[in-house]
Protein backbone atom coordinates (compact mmCIF):
# COMPACT_ATOMS: atom_id res chain seq x y z
CA MET A 1 -37.62 -31.92 14.71
CA PRO A 2 -35.26 -31.22 11.72
CA GLN A 3 -36.15 -28.38 9.46
CA ARG A 4 -37.23 -29.16 5.97
CA ALA A 5 -34.61 -28.23 3.15
CA ILE A 6 -35.91 -27.77 -0.24
CA PRO A 7 -33.95 -27.74 -3.51
CA CYS A 8 -33.87 -24.36 -5.50
CA ALA A 9 -31.63 -21.62 -7.07
CA LEU A 10 -31.08 -17.98 -6.13
CA ILE A 11 -30.99 -16.39 -9.81
CA ARG A 12 -30.82 -12.54 -10.71
CA GLY A 13 -33.22 -12.26 -13.69
CA GLY A 14 -32.95 -8.94 -15.25
CA THR A 15 -33.50 -6.36 -12.55
CA SER A 16 -35.04 -8.57 -9.96
CA LYS A 17 -33.90 -11.80 -8.26
CA GLY A 18 -35.63 -14.48 -6.40
CA LEU A 19 -35.93 -18.42 -5.66
CA TYR A 20 -36.41 -20.70 -8.44
CA PHE A 21 -37.96 -24.04 -7.84
CA LEU A 22 -39.00 -27.36 -9.72
CA ALA A 23 -42.64 -27.76 -9.05
CA SER A 24 -41.90 -31.45 -7.84
CA ASP A 25 -40.09 -29.95 -5.15
CA LEU A 26 -42.90 -28.06 -3.69
CA PRO A 27 -46.35 -29.05 -2.17
CA GLU A 28 -49.08 -29.56 -5.02
CA GLN A 29 -51.69 -27.97 -2.24
CA THR A 30 -51.71 -24.35 -3.22
CA GLU A 31 -52.44 -22.91 0.38
CA LEU A 32 -49.37 -25.26 1.61
CA ARG A 33 -47.30 -24.36 -0.92
CA ASP A 34 -47.88 -20.55 -0.40
CA LYS A 35 -47.18 -21.05 3.52
CA VAL A 36 -43.82 -22.67 2.57
CA LEU A 37 -42.81 -20.03 0.38
CA LEU A 38 -43.77 -17.32 2.89
CA ALA A 39 -41.41 -19.04 5.37
CA ALA A 40 -38.54 -19.59 2.87
CA MET A 41 -38.58 -15.67 2.21
CA GLY A 42 -39.62 -14.58 5.67
CA SER A 43 -42.62 -12.83 5.20
CA PRO A 44 -44.63 -11.23 6.91
CA ASP A 45 -41.98 -9.00 8.03
CA PRO A 46 -40.65 -5.68 6.58
CA ARG A 47 -37.07 -6.76 6.63
CA GLN A 48 -37.67 -10.56 5.96
CA ILE A 49 -34.79 -11.15 8.30
CA ASP A 50 -35.89 -14.62 8.77
CA GLY A 51 -35.96 -15.66 5.48
CA VAL A 52 -34.02 -15.23 2.17
CA GLY A 53 -36.27 -12.54 0.68
CA GLY A 54 -34.60 -8.91 0.16
CA ALA A 55 -37.12 -6.66 2.05
CA HIS A 56 -38.49 -5.30 -1.34
CA PRO A 57 -40.88 -6.58 -3.91
CA LEU A 58 -38.32 -6.73 -6.81
CA THR A 59 -36.20 -9.28 -4.65
CA SER A 60 -39.20 -11.66 -3.22
CA LYS A 61 -40.09 -13.21 -5.87
CA VAL A 62 -40.59 -17.01 -6.78
CA ALA A 63 -40.26 -18.66 -10.02
CA ILE A 64 -41.99 -22.37 -10.12
CA VAL A 65 -40.82 -24.34 -13.32
CA SER A 66 -41.99 -27.50 -14.84
CA LYS A 67 -42.43 -29.46 -18.02
CA ALA A 68 -44.70 -27.97 -20.28
CA SER A 69 -48.45 -28.86 -19.84
CA ARG A 70 -49.04 -27.91 -23.70
CA ASP A 71 -47.71 -28.83 -27.03
CA ASP A 72 -46.26 -25.42 -28.28
CA ALA A 73 -44.25 -24.88 -25.24
CA ASP A 74 -41.09 -26.60 -23.85
CA ILE A 75 -41.70 -25.66 -20.14
CA ASP A 76 -44.22 -24.32 -17.60
CA TYR A 77 -43.37 -21.00 -15.58
CA LEU A 78 -45.66 -19.85 -12.97
CA PHE A 79 -44.64 -16.57 -11.17
CA LEU A 80 -45.60 -15.92 -7.81
CA GLN A 81 -44.88 -12.54 -5.98
CA VAL A 82 -44.33 -12.91 -2.18
CA SER A 83 -45.35 -9.64 -0.21
CA PRO A 84 -42.50 -8.66 2.25
CA ASP A 85 -44.64 -7.17 4.80
CA SER A 86 -47.85 -9.34 4.40
CA ASP A 87 -48.76 -13.07 4.41
CA VAL A 88 -49.66 -12.68 0.50
CA VAL A 89 -48.66 -14.54 -2.45
CA SER A 90 -49.87 -13.35 -5.56
CA ASP A 91 -50.39 -15.14 -8.96
CA ALA A 92 -52.16 -12.12 -10.74
CA GLN A 93 -49.25 -11.16 -13.04
CA ASN A 94 -46.36 -12.42 -14.98
CA CYS A 95 -42.82 -11.35 -14.22
CA GLY A 96 -40.51 -10.82 -17.41
CA ASN A 97 -37.57 -10.13 -15.09
CA LEU A 98 -37.66 -13.59 -13.64
CA LEU A 99 -38.44 -15.11 -16.98
CA ALA A 100 -34.90 -14.34 -17.96
CA GLY A 101 -33.50 -16.69 -15.66
CA VAL A 102 -36.31 -19.34 -16.31
CA GLY A 103 -34.47 -20.96 -19.22
CA ALA A 104 -31.24 -21.23 -17.59
CA PHE A 105 -32.68 -22.92 -14.57
CA ALA A 106 -34.60 -25.39 -16.86
CA LEU A 107 -31.26 -26.11 -18.34
CA GLU A 108 -29.46 -26.44 -15.11
CA THR A 109 -31.77 -28.77 -13.56
CA GLY A 110 -31.97 -31.31 -16.48
CA LEU A 111 -35.76 -30.38 -17.50
CA LEU A 112 -34.24 -29.54 -20.97
CA SER A 113 -30.93 -30.21 -22.99
CA ALA A 114 -28.94 -27.39 -24.65
CA ASP A 115 -29.29 -27.39 -28.46
CA GLY A 116 -26.49 -26.06 -29.92
CA ASP A 117 -24.60 -22.69 -28.84
CA LEU A 118 -27.95 -21.14 -28.78
CA THR A 119 -30.98 -22.58 -27.33
CA ARG A 120 -34.30 -21.43 -28.03
CA ILE A 121 -36.64 -22.36 -25.29
CA ARG A 122 -40.48 -21.86 -25.54
CA VAL A 123 -41.97 -20.96 -22.03
CA HIS A 124 -45.48 -21.03 -21.22
CA MET A 125 -46.19 -18.10 -18.75
CA VAL A 126 -48.79 -19.77 -16.53
CA ASN A 127 -50.22 -16.55 -14.85
CA THR A 128 -51.76 -15.66 -18.12
CA ALA A 129 -51.47 -18.49 -20.64
CA GLY A 130 -48.93 -16.46 -22.82
CA ILE A 131 -45.82 -17.84 -24.66
CA ALA A 132 -42.50 -16.25 -24.59
CA VAL A 133 -39.20 -17.41 -26.61
CA ALA A 134 -36.19 -17.13 -24.76
CA THR A 135 -32.77 -17.60 -26.39
CA VAL A 136 -30.18 -18.68 -23.94
CA GLN A 137 -26.16 -18.65 -24.48
CA THR A 138 -25.27 -22.51 -24.30
CA PRO A 139 -21.80 -22.77 -26.00
CA GLY A 140 -20.61 -26.41 -25.59
CA GLY A 141 -23.81 -27.48 -23.88
CA GLU A 142 -23.49 -25.46 -20.96
CA VAL A 143 -25.21 -22.31 -19.74
CA GLU A 144 -23.32 -19.28 -20.11
CA TYR A 145 -23.69 -16.39 -17.75
CA GLU A 146 -20.69 -14.53 -18.69
CA GLY A 147 -20.96 -11.90 -21.51
CA ASP A 148 -20.84 -8.62 -22.82
CA ALA A 149 -24.35 -7.44 -22.44
CA ARG A 150 -25.03 -4.59 -20.13
CA ILE A 151 -28.71 -3.89 -18.73
CA ASP A 152 -29.58 -0.72 -16.93
CA GLY A 153 -30.24 -1.35 -13.18
CA VAL A 154 -27.65 -4.22 -12.88
CA PRO A 155 -23.87 -3.30 -12.31
CA GLY A 156 -21.52 -5.26 -14.72
CA THR A 157 -22.31 -7.41 -17.64
CA SER A 158 -23.41 -10.62 -18.38
CA ALA A 159 -24.70 -13.18 -21.26
CA PRO A 160 -27.39 -11.71 -23.36
CA VAL A 161 -31.16 -13.42 -23.02
CA GLU A 162 -33.29 -12.51 -25.89
CA LEU A 163 -36.84 -12.62 -25.17
CA GLU A 164 -39.42 -12.57 -27.97
CA PHE A 165 -43.18 -12.49 -26.71
CA VAL A 166 -46.21 -14.45 -28.62
CA ASP A 167 -49.86 -13.23 -28.37
CA LEU A 168 -49.29 -11.29 -25.27
CA GLU A 169 -52.00 -8.74 -25.82
CA GLY A 170 -54.79 -8.91 -23.33
CA SER A 171 -53.46 -11.53 -21.65
CA SER A 172 -55.03 -10.41 -18.15
CA CYS A 173 -57.64 -8.25 -19.29
CA GLY A 174 -58.87 -10.07 -22.70
CA THR A 175 -57.90 -7.12 -24.87
CA LEU A 176 -54.95 -5.14 -25.73
CA LEU A 177 -56.97 -1.78 -24.64
CA PRO A 178 -59.34 -3.22 -22.08
CA THR A 179 -61.61 -0.04 -21.96
CA GLY A 180 -62.35 0.01 -25.61
CA SER A 181 -60.53 3.27 -26.02
CA VAL A 182 -56.94 4.75 -26.30
CA ALA A 183 -57.61 7.40 -23.59
CA ASP A 184 -60.00 7.62 -20.55
CA GLU A 185 -60.68 10.11 -18.14
CA ILE A 186 -60.65 9.01 -14.36
CA ASP A 187 -60.82 11.20 -11.64
CA GLY A 188 -60.45 14.43 -13.88
CA ILE A 189 -57.12 12.97 -15.45
CA ALA A 190 -56.51 11.57 -18.98
CA VAL A 191 -55.07 7.79 -18.60
CA THR A 192 -54.28 4.81 -20.99
CA CYS A 193 -55.49 1.66 -19.81
CA ILE A 194 -53.35 -1.28 -21.93
CA ASP A 195 -52.54 -4.84 -21.46
CA ASN A 196 -49.61 -6.31 -23.47
CA GLY A 197 -48.45 -8.94 -21.06
CA MET A 198 -48.95 -6.72 -18.03
CA PRO A 199 -51.82 -4.51 -17.23
CA VAL A 200 -50.71 -0.78 -16.98
CA VAL A 201 -52.47 2.59 -16.35
CA LEU A 202 -50.30 5.55 -18.19
CA ILE A 203 -50.69 8.80 -16.82
CA HIS A 204 -48.95 12.15 -17.55
CA SER A 205 -46.73 12.88 -14.50
CA GLN A 206 -47.75 16.63 -14.95
CA SER A 207 -51.20 15.86 -14.51
CA LEU A 208 -50.49 14.70 -11.14
CA GLY A 209 -48.10 17.82 -10.50
CA LYS A 210 -44.82 16.05 -10.76
CA SER A 211 -42.33 16.55 -13.27
CA GLY A 212 -41.59 12.73 -13.96
CA ASN A 213 -38.01 13.50 -12.83
CA GLU A 214 -38.65 12.38 -9.22
CA THR A 215 -36.75 9.53 -7.24
CA PRO A 216 -38.62 6.89 -6.20
CA ALA A 217 -37.95 7.62 -2.68
CA GLU A 218 -39.52 11.44 -3.35
CA LEU A 219 -42.71 9.90 -4.89
CA GLU A 220 -43.38 7.28 -2.09
CA ALA A 221 -42.62 9.99 0.53
CA ASP A 222 -45.63 11.95 -0.98
CA ALA A 223 -48.80 10.60 0.63
CA LEU A 224 -51.20 12.81 -1.10
CA LEU A 225 -49.98 11.51 -4.25
CA ARG A 226 -49.93 7.70 -3.38
CA GLU A 227 -53.60 8.24 -2.33
CA ARG A 228 -54.69 9.70 -5.68
CA VAL A 229 -52.89 7.18 -7.85
CA GLU A 230 -54.30 4.23 -5.74
CA ARG A 231 -57.77 5.87 -6.01
CA ILE A 232 -57.20 5.89 -9.83
CA ARG A 233 -55.70 2.51 -9.81
CA LEU A 234 -59.00 1.15 -8.00
CA HIS A 235 -61.31 2.63 -10.61
CA ALA A 236 -58.91 1.56 -13.64
CA GLY A 237 -59.20 -2.14 -12.34
CA GLN A 238 -63.01 -2.03 -12.75
CA LEU A 239 -62.82 -0.40 -16.29
CA MET A 240 -60.22 -2.96 -17.37
CA GLY A 241 -62.31 -6.03 -15.99
CA LEU A 242 -59.93 -6.92 -13.23
CA GLY A 243 -62.48 -6.47 -10.70
CA ASP A 244 -61.89 -4.99 -6.91
CA VAL A 245 -57.68 -4.58 -7.14
CA THR A 246 -57.40 -3.23 -3.56
CA ASN A 247 -55.40 -6.74 -2.84
CA LYS A 248 -54.02 -7.38 -6.15
CA THR A 249 -50.82 -6.47 -7.61
CA VAL A 250 -52.27 -5.24 -11.17
CA PRO A 251 -52.67 -3.00 -12.85
CA LYS A 252 -49.22 -1.11 -12.34
CA MET A 253 -49.37 2.60 -12.65
CA SER A 254 -46.92 4.43 -14.66
CA LEU A 255 -46.27 7.95 -14.61
CA VAL A 256 -44.89 9.24 -17.84
CA SER A 257 -43.21 12.35 -19.09
CA SER A 258 -40.87 13.68 -21.76
CA PRO A 259 -37.54 12.01 -22.01
CA THR A 260 -34.70 13.50 -20.27
CA GLN A 261 -31.60 11.28 -21.14
CA GLY A 262 -32.21 11.01 -24.88
CA GLY A 263 -34.82 8.04 -24.81
CA THR A 264 -38.46 8.10 -26.07
CA LEU A 265 -40.08 8.93 -22.91
CA SER A 266 -39.46 8.61 -19.12
CA THR A 267 -41.36 6.53 -16.62
CA ARG A 268 -41.82 6.19 -12.83
CA THR A 269 -43.82 3.05 -12.08
CA PHE A 270 -45.86 2.35 -8.77
CA ILE A 271 -45.96 -1.61 -8.40
CA PRO A 272 -48.63 -0.88 -6.97
CA HIS A 273 -47.60 0.65 -3.97
CA ARG A 274 -43.66 0.93 -3.87
CA VAL A 275 -42.22 2.58 -6.71
CA HIS A 276 -40.04 0.31 -9.02
CA ASP A 277 -36.19 1.25 -8.98
CA ALA A 278 -36.22 0.65 -12.74
CA ILE A 279 -39.28 -0.71 -14.53
CA GLY A 280 -40.73 -4.25 -15.31
CA VAL A 281 -39.94 -6.36 -18.15
CA LEU A 282 -43.82 -6.59 -18.99
CA GLY A 283 -44.74 -3.26 -17.95
CA ALA A 284 -42.04 -1.91 -20.45
CA VAL A 285 -43.22 -4.07 -23.28
CA SER A 286 -47.30 -2.44 -22.18
CA VAL A 287 -45.53 1.01 -22.18
CA ALA A 288 -43.74 0.92 -25.33
CA THR A 289 -46.73 -0.67 -26.92
CA ALA A 290 -48.67 2.41 -25.73
CA CYS A 291 -46.16 4.47 -27.62
CA ALA A 292 -46.89 3.14 -30.99
CA ILE A 293 -50.69 3.51 -30.75
CA PRO A 294 -51.52 7.17 -31.74
CA GLY A 295 -53.76 8.83 -29.37
CA THR A 296 -52.54 7.32 -26.44
CA VAL A 297 -51.04 9.24 -23.23
CA ALA A 298 -47.56 7.93 -23.93
CA ALA A 299 -48.21 8.65 -27.87
CA ASN A 300 -48.72 12.10 -27.27
CA LEU A 301 -45.52 12.53 -25.62
CA LEU A 302 -43.70 11.59 -28.55
CA PRO A 303 -42.56 13.95 -31.47
CA SER A 304 -44.51 13.93 -34.49
CA SER A 305 -41.49 12.68 -36.44
CA ASN A 306 -40.92 9.42 -34.41
CA ASP A 307 -41.86 6.37 -36.73
CA GLY A 308 -39.57 3.91 -35.39
CA SER A 309 -40.57 0.12 -33.76
CA THR A 310 -37.64 0.47 -31.11
CA PHE A 311 -38.57 2.59 -28.02
CA GLU A 312 -36.32 3.43 -25.48
CA ILE A 313 -37.87 3.54 -22.13
CA GLU A 314 -36.43 5.74 -19.46
CA HIS A 315 -36.66 4.62 -15.90
CA PRO A 316 -34.81 5.57 -12.48
CA THR A 317 -31.81 3.91 -13.26
CA GLY A 318 -31.48 4.08 -16.95
CA PHE A 319 -33.12 2.89 -20.19
CA PHE A 320 -35.02 0.02 -21.38
CA SER A 321 -34.94 -1.14 -25.18
CA VAL A 322 -38.13 -2.72 -26.49
CA ASP A 323 -39.16 -3.39 -30.20
CA ALA A 324 -42.95 -2.85 -30.56
CA GLU A 325 -44.82 -3.19 -33.83
CA VAL A 326 -48.61 -2.49 -33.66
CA THR A 327 -50.99 -2.56 -36.74
CA ALA A 328 -54.32 -0.78 -37.10
CA GLY A 329 -57.10 -2.80 -38.61
CA ALA A 330 -60.97 -2.70 -38.92
CA ASP A 331 -61.22 -4.30 -35.56
CA GLY A 332 -58.97 -2.14 -33.94
CA PHE A 333 -55.18 -2.62 -32.85
CA SER A 334 -53.12 -5.71 -32.81
CA VAL A 335 -49.59 -6.55 -31.78
CA LYS A 336 -47.33 -7.72 -34.54
CA ARG A 337 -44.01 -7.57 -32.30
CA SER A 338 -42.88 -7.32 -28.75
CA ALA A 339 -39.17 -8.07 -28.22
CA LEU A 340 -36.46 -7.08 -25.92
CA LEU A 341 -32.88 -8.11 -24.40
CA ARG A 342 -32.44 -9.06 -20.49
CA THR A 343 -29.48 -10.83 -18.70
CA ALA A 344 -29.57 -13.34 -15.77
CA ARG A 345 -26.98 -14.88 -13.53
CA LEU A 346 -27.29 -17.72 -11.19
CA LEU A 347 -26.19 -16.44 -7.69
CA MET A 348 -26.64 -19.70 -5.58
CA ARG A 349 -27.93 -23.15 -5.69
CA GLY A 350 -28.69 -25.62 -2.77
CA THR A 351 -31.91 -25.48 -0.55
CA VAL A 352 -33.82 -23.47 1.34
CA CYS A 353 -34.82 -24.49 4.69
CA VAL A 354 -38.51 -23.74 6.34
CA PRO A 355 -39.90 -24.72 9.93
CA SER A 356 -40.86 -28.43 10.19
CA ALA A 357 -44.06 -26.83 11.69
CA VAL A 358 -44.67 -25.29 8.29
CA TRP A 359 -43.98 -28.50 6.15
CA PRO A 360 -42.97 -31.71 8.40
CA THR A 361 -40.06 -33.51 6.87
CA GLU A 362 -41.82 -37.14 8.11
CA GLY A 363 -43.46 -39.16 5.43
CA ALA A 364 -44.28 -38.54 2.00
CA LYS A 365 -44.84 -34.93 0.61
CA GLN A 366 -48.05 -33.57 2.08
CA GLN A 367 -50.91 -32.71 -0.57
């Protein structure tokens, strides 16, 4: 029996890459859809040798795009994290890196039409019901992927994709500071729990006996560190209203320290069990937001002279610039602005094939 061929595109978005699908090309039933995606990626297998996944969480991602289901957006974007070495497909978080490629994909597939040389696309991020505005370069009505914009963690340059986030605070946890405090103590360590698009727990690296300059491989090789970080994560998940996060990909754990390359502060981020080679887009937004709030673990690392709203977040492969403005009021802190720049590039378009035993080719699409 022939394999099932499913239209899709492989796109690098930011410092991640993944498969982008139209929702209409996948099963509507969640359990069957997830089986199809696991087969397409080659999971569960640490090498993902029988699929197109890249054997790492950053290259085992999926974006599902469709016409908007709400009036204040142009398209819907559902992000799914496909685990390389288990049969888990998670919708528990957004992905700001794949978000960078969503607008281009919608234009390439005809979901939307270009609007002049710059096309602003309102994206409904289905995972958390937030809205992001992506500005895509479209000279002559065509998506432009080549340009002079450079982001750390990606070789070369590409056309810029501007991302501005609207009402992200508390998108997963309900409030910007889900514990009600700018800092808490877990397992004898000061932490800041924050959610401005991504639930993140910030910890001073030195509190865990680390300098903050370690490589991702060095941190992953420290079994005692990983165990302690996970213990804190499980406790923080409860405090943040996320429940039992044992099998969830949130919250992310960000070890922060003083900058070494001229930035605002340095980060090493558990996502949550592997250590990110850079930092996730929305993770960086949450970290930068914490920098703008006095008394947080991040803000306490900043020089007293810092009064800007652009924060250079250092990560293992460079910098991430985030504009974050926060205001304080009678009801606490609120986010005035969150914005940044990413790039994206179409790598391949065509079909990905899955065994007919997973999704039979005969008859109508299974529901």
